[in-house]
C-alpha atoms as a PDB file:
ATOM      1  CA  UNK A   1       0.000   0.000   0.000  1.00  0.00           C
ATOM      2  CA  UNK A   2       1.977   2.982  -1.286  1.00  0.00           C
ATOM      3  CA  UNK A   3       0.447   6.396  -0.683  1.00  0.00           C
ATOM      4  CA  UNK A   4       1.752   9.899  -1.213  1.00  0.00           C
ATOM      5  CA  UNK A   5       0.850  11.839   1.880  1.00  0.00           C
ATOM      6  CA  UNK A   6       1.594  15.440   2.739  1.00  0.00           C
ATOM      7  CA  UNK A   7       4.652  16.665   4.617  1.00  0.00           C
ATOM      8  CA  UNK A   8       2.327  17.195   7.592  1.00  0.00           C
ATOM      9  CA  UNK A   9       1.573  13.461   7.714  1.00  0.00           C
ATOM     10  CA  UNK A  10       5.309  12.699   7.676  1.00  0.00           C
ATOM     11  CA  UNK A  11       5.987  15.151  10.522  1.00  0.00           C
ATOM     12  CA  UNK A  12       3.216  13.703  12.635  1.00  0.00           C
ATOM     13  CA  UNK A  13       4.376  10.140  11.972  1.00  0.00           C
ATOM     14  CA  UNK A  14       7.807  11.148  13.252  1.00  0.00           C
ATOM     15  CA  UNK A  15       6.404  12.867  16.335  1.00  0.00           C
ATOM     16  CA  UNK A  16       4.011  10.010  17.128  1.00  0.00           C
ATOM     17  CA  UNK A  17       7.084   7.787  17.022  1.00  0.00           C
ATOM     18  CA  UNK A  18       5.253   4.485  16.594  1.00  0.00           C
ATOM     19  CA  UNK A  19       2.787   5.135  19.407  1.00  0.00           C
ATOM     20  CA  UNK A  20      -0.726   3.755  19.371  1.00  0.00           C
ATOM     21  CA  UNK A  21      -3.726   5.809  18.270  1.00  0.00           C
ATOM     22  CA  UNK A  22      -7.136   5.537  19.905  1.00  0.00           C
ATOM     23  CA  UNK A  23     -10.170   6.576  17.861  1.00  0.00           C
ATOM     24  CA  UNK A  24     -13.422   7.174  19.740  1.00  0.00           C
ATOM     25  CA  UNK A  25     -16.744   7.321  17.940  1.00  0.00           C
ATOM     26  CA  UNK A  26     -18.220   6.168  14.699  1.00  0.00           C
ATOM     27  CA  UNK A  27     -17.753   2.672  13.380  1.00  0.00           C
ATOM     28  CA  UNK A  28     -14.320   1.128  13.353  1.00  0.00           C
ATOM     29  CA  UNK A  29     -13.898  -0.178   9.852  1.00  0.00           C
ATOM     30  CA  UNK A  30     -10.752  -2.234   9.347  1.00  0.00           C
ATOM     31  CA  UNK A  31      -9.683  -0.483   6.129  1.00  0.00           C
ATOM     32  CA  UNK A  32      -9.880   2.940   7.837  1.00  0.00           C
ATOM     33  CA  UNK A  33      -7.897   1.672  10.821  1.00  0.00           C
ATOM     34  CA  UNK A  34      -5.296   0.228   8.458  1.00  0.00           C
ATOM     35  CA  UNK A  35      -4.914   3.510   6.552  1.00  0.00           C
ATOM     36  CA  UNK A  36      -4.524   5.527   9.757  1.00  0.00           C
ATOM     37  CA  UNK A  37      -1.999   3.049  11.135  1.00  0.00           C
ATOM     38  CA  UNK A  38       0.015   2.964   7.914  1.00  0.00           C
ATOM     39  CA  UNK A  39       0.001   6.731   7.311  1.00  0.00           C
ATOM     40  CA  UNK A  40       1.055   7.703  10.834  1.00  0.00           C
ATOM     41  CA  UNK A  41       3.310   4.712  11.513  1.00  0.00           C
ATOM     42  CA  UNK A  42       1.263   3.750  14.572  1.00  0.00           C
ATOM     43  CA  UNK A  43       1.939   0.504  16.389  1.00  0.00           C
ATOM     44  CA  UNK A  44      -1.823  -0.054  16.307  1.00  0.00           C
ATOM     45  CA  UNK A  45      -5.153   1.749  16.100  1.00  0.00           C
ATOM     46  CA  UNK A  46      -7.756   0.943  18.734  1.00  0.00           C
ATOM     47  CA  UNK A  47     -11.255   2.002  17.722  1.00  0.00           C
ATOM     48  CA  UNK A  48     -13.813   2.390  20.493  1.00  0.00           C
ATOM     49  CA  UNK A  49     -17.356   2.783  19.219  1.00  0.00           C
ATOM     50  CA  UNK A  50     -19.154   5.269  21.398  1.00  0.00           C
ATOM     51  CA  UNK A  51     -22.431   4.887  23.162  1.00  0.00           C
ATOM     52  CA  UNK A  52     -23.724   7.059  26.004  1.00  0.00           C
ATOM     53  CA  UNK A  53     -24.572   3.975  28.081  1.00  0.00           C
ATOM     54  CA  UNK A  54     -21.174   2.366  27.547  1.00  0.00           C
ATOM     55  CA  UNK A  55     -19.230   2.189  30.769  1.00  0.00           C
ATOM     56  CA  UNK A  56     -16.608   4.961  30.972  1.00  0.00           C
ATOM     57  CA  UNK A  57     -14.208   2.389  32.417  1.00  0.00           C
ATOM     58  CA  UNK A  58     -13.943   0.814  28.957  1.00  0.00           C
ATOM     59  CA  UNK A  59     -12.702   4.090  27.509  1.00  0.00           C
ATOM     60  CA  UNK A  60     -10.472   4.721  30.507  1.00  0.00           C
ATOM     61  CA  UNK A  61      -8.731   1.361  30.127  1.00  0.00           C
ATOM     62  CA  UNK A  62      -8.009   1.851  26.425  1.00  0.00           C
ATOM     63  CA  UNK A  63      -6.843   5.451  26.830  1.00  0.00           C
ATOM     64  CA  UNK A  64      -4.675   4.576  29.847  1.00  0.00           C
ATOM     65  CA  UNK A  65      -2.448   2.170  27.909  1.00  0.00           C
ATOM     66  CA  UNK A  66       1.112   3.466  28.165  1.00  0.00           C
ATOM     67  CA  UNK A  67       1.829   3.364  24.431  1.00  0.00           C
ATOM     68  CA  UNK A  68      -1.113   5.593  23.440  1.00  0.00           C
ATOM     69  CA  UNK A  69       0.262   8.680  21.703  1.00  0.00           C
ATOM     70  CA  UNK A  70      -2.969  10.418  20.704  1.00  0.00           C
ATOM     71  CA  UNK A  71      -6.728  10.059  21.106  1.00  0.00           C
ATOM     72  CA  UNK A  72      -8.956  11.083  18.190  1.00  0.00           C
ATOM     73  CA  UNK A  73     -12.534  11.975  19.072  1.00  0.00           C
ATOM     74  CA  UNK A  74     -14.558  11.652  15.865  1.00  0.00           C
ATOM     75  CA  UNK A  75     -18.117  12.084  17.122  1.00  0.00           C
ATOM     76  CA  UNK A  76     -20.050  15.311  16.961  1.00  0.00           C
ATOM     77  CA  UNK A  77     -22.643  15.681  19.626  1.00  0.00           C
ATOM     78  CA  UNK A  78     -22.691  13.009  22.306  1.00  0.00           C
ATOM     79  CA  UNK A  79     -21.901  15.197  25.308  1.00  0.00           C
ATOM     80  CA  UNK A  80     -21.639  12.276  27.744  1.00  0.00           C
ATOM     81  CA  UNK A  81     -19.019  10.488  25.650  1.00  0.00           C
ATOM     82  CA  UNK A  82     -17.136  13.719  24.938  1.00  0.00           C
ATOM     83  CA  UNK A  83     -17.006  14.506  28.652  1.00  0.00           C
ATOM     84  CA  UNK A  84     -15.798  10.981  29.514  1.00  0.00           C
ATOM     85  CA  UNK A  85     -13.067  11.077  26.869  1.00  0.00           C
ATOM     86  CA  UNK A  86     -11.860  14.522  27.943  1.00  0.00           C
ATOM     87  CA  UNK A  87     -11.732  13.396  31.568  1.00  0.00           C
ATOM     88  CA  UNK A  88      -9.850  10.178  30.760  1.00  0.00           C
ATOM     89  CA  UNK A  89      -7.316  12.041  28.602  1.00  0.00           C
ATOM     90  CA  UNK A  90      -6.745  14.657  31.292  1.00  0.00           C
ATOM     91  CA  UNK A  91      -6.267  12.026  34.002  1.00  0.00           C
ATOM     92  CA  UNK A  92      -3.844   9.996  31.865  1.00  0.00           C
ATOM     93  CA  UNK A  93      -2.041  13.006  30.332  1.00  0.00           C
ATOM     94  CA  UNK A  94      -2.969  11.925  26.812  1.00  0.00           C
ATOM     95  CA  UNK A  95      -3.187  14.203  23.793  1.00  0.00           C
ATOM     96  CA  UNK A  96      -6.788  14.678  22.622  1.00  0.00           C
ATOM     97  CA  UNK A  97      -7.886  15.793  19.160  1.00  0.00           C
ATOM     98  CA  UNK A  98     -11.489  16.555  18.218  1.00  0.00           C
ATOM     99  CA  UNK A  99     -11.972  15.590  14.589  1.00  0.00           C
ATOM    100  CA  UNK A 100     -15.675  15.074  13.879  1.00  0.00           C
ATOM    101  CA  UNK A 101     -16.495  14.753  10.209  1.00  0.00           C
ATOM    102  CA  UNK A 102     -12.864  14.797   9.065  1.00  0.00           C
ATOM    103  CA  UNK A 103     -12.257  12.554   6.081  1.00  0.00           C
ATOM    104  CA  UNK A 104      -8.973  11.654   4.467  1.00  0.00           C
ATOM    105  CA  UNK A 105      -5.523  11.218   5.957  1.00  0.00           C
ATOM    106  CA  UNK A 106      -4.182  14.613   4.892  1.00  0.00           C
ATOM    107  CA  UNK A 107      -7.173  16.453   6.338  1.00  0.00           C
ATOM    108  CA  UNK A 108      -6.900  14.432   9.557  1.00  0.00           C
ATOM    109  CA  UNK A 109      -3.195  15.315   9.761  1.00  0.00           C
ATOM    110  CA  UNK A 110      -3.969  19.005   9.257  1.00  0.00           C
ATOM    111  CA  UNK A 111      -6.546  18.886  12.061  1.00  0.00           C
ATOM    112  CA  UNK A 112      -4.146  17.115  14.430  1.00  0.00           C
ATOM    113  CA  UNK A 113      -1.374  19.581  13.592  1.00  0.00           C
ATOM    114  CA  UNK A 114      -3.618  22.595  14.124  1.00  0.00           C
ATOM    115  CA  UNK A 115      -4.923  21.411  17.493  1.00  0.00           C
ATOM    116  CA  UNK A 116      -1.936  19.666  19.094  1.00  0.00           C
ATOM    117  CA  UNK A 117       1.017  19.758  16.717  1.00  0.00           C
ATOM    118  CA  UNK A 118       3.260  21.743  19.056  1.00  0.00           C
ATOM    119  CA  UNK A 119       2.351  19.516  21.983  1.00  0.00           C
ATOM    120  CA  UNK A 120       3.236  16.354  20.031  1.00  0.00           C
ATOM    121  CA  UNK A 121       6.490  17.911  18.834  1.00  0.00           C
ATOM    122  CA  UNK A 122       7.473  18.866  22.400  1.00  0.00           C
ATOM    123  CA  UNK A 123       6.690  15.392  23.721  1.00  0.00           C
ATOM    124  CA  UNK A 124       8.728  13.829  20.923  1.00  0.00           C
ATOM    125  CA  UNK A 125      11.698  16.115  21.601  1.00  0.00           C
ATOM    126  CA  UNK A 126      11.543  15.329  25.318  1.00  0.00           C
ATOM    127  CA  UNK A 127      11.638  11.575  24.586  1.00  0.00           C
ATOM    128  CA  UNK A 128      14.593  12.023  22.220  1.00  0.00           C
ATOM    129  CA  UNK A 129      16.456  14.211  24.739  1.00  0.00           C
ATOM    130  CA  UNK A 130      15.942  11.603  27.454  1.00  0.00           C
ATOM    131  CA  UNK A 131      17.122   8.903  25.079  1.00  0.00           C
ATOM    132  CA  UNK A 132      14.002   6.781  25.365  1.00  0.00           C
ATOM    133  CA  UNK A 133      10.595   6.307  23.820  1.00  0.00           C
ATOM    134  CA  UNK A 134       8.579   6.047  27.013  1.00  0.00           C
ATOM    135  CA  UNK A 135       5.336   7.890  26.727  1.00  0.00           C
END
């Protein structure tokens, strides 16, 4: 699968440094997960379908994994789920990106860069300076 992605995708792949990506919301289709994983060089993509009655502990456990580099929130208007994801990311010091309705890898990369690009870059530089890849 050879794709020509933007320079932004390449930068983010470097800064994510093989970390996992968690996607919350929508339906986790395998071909979409594969494209996200390939484009950003992620170790894996965990897709958590959202439901307001779903136990927040499920989200917490996935987000809390030590290798998670970024959490993508792709739903629009489920306030309960949004609140639970924000809380879990804050508690676990995970980077959160809201990307409802974003389609395509380059557009997703642009959204990530706009919202948290500097934060991801700083975290990457800190890991490199320390000589490790611990998240």
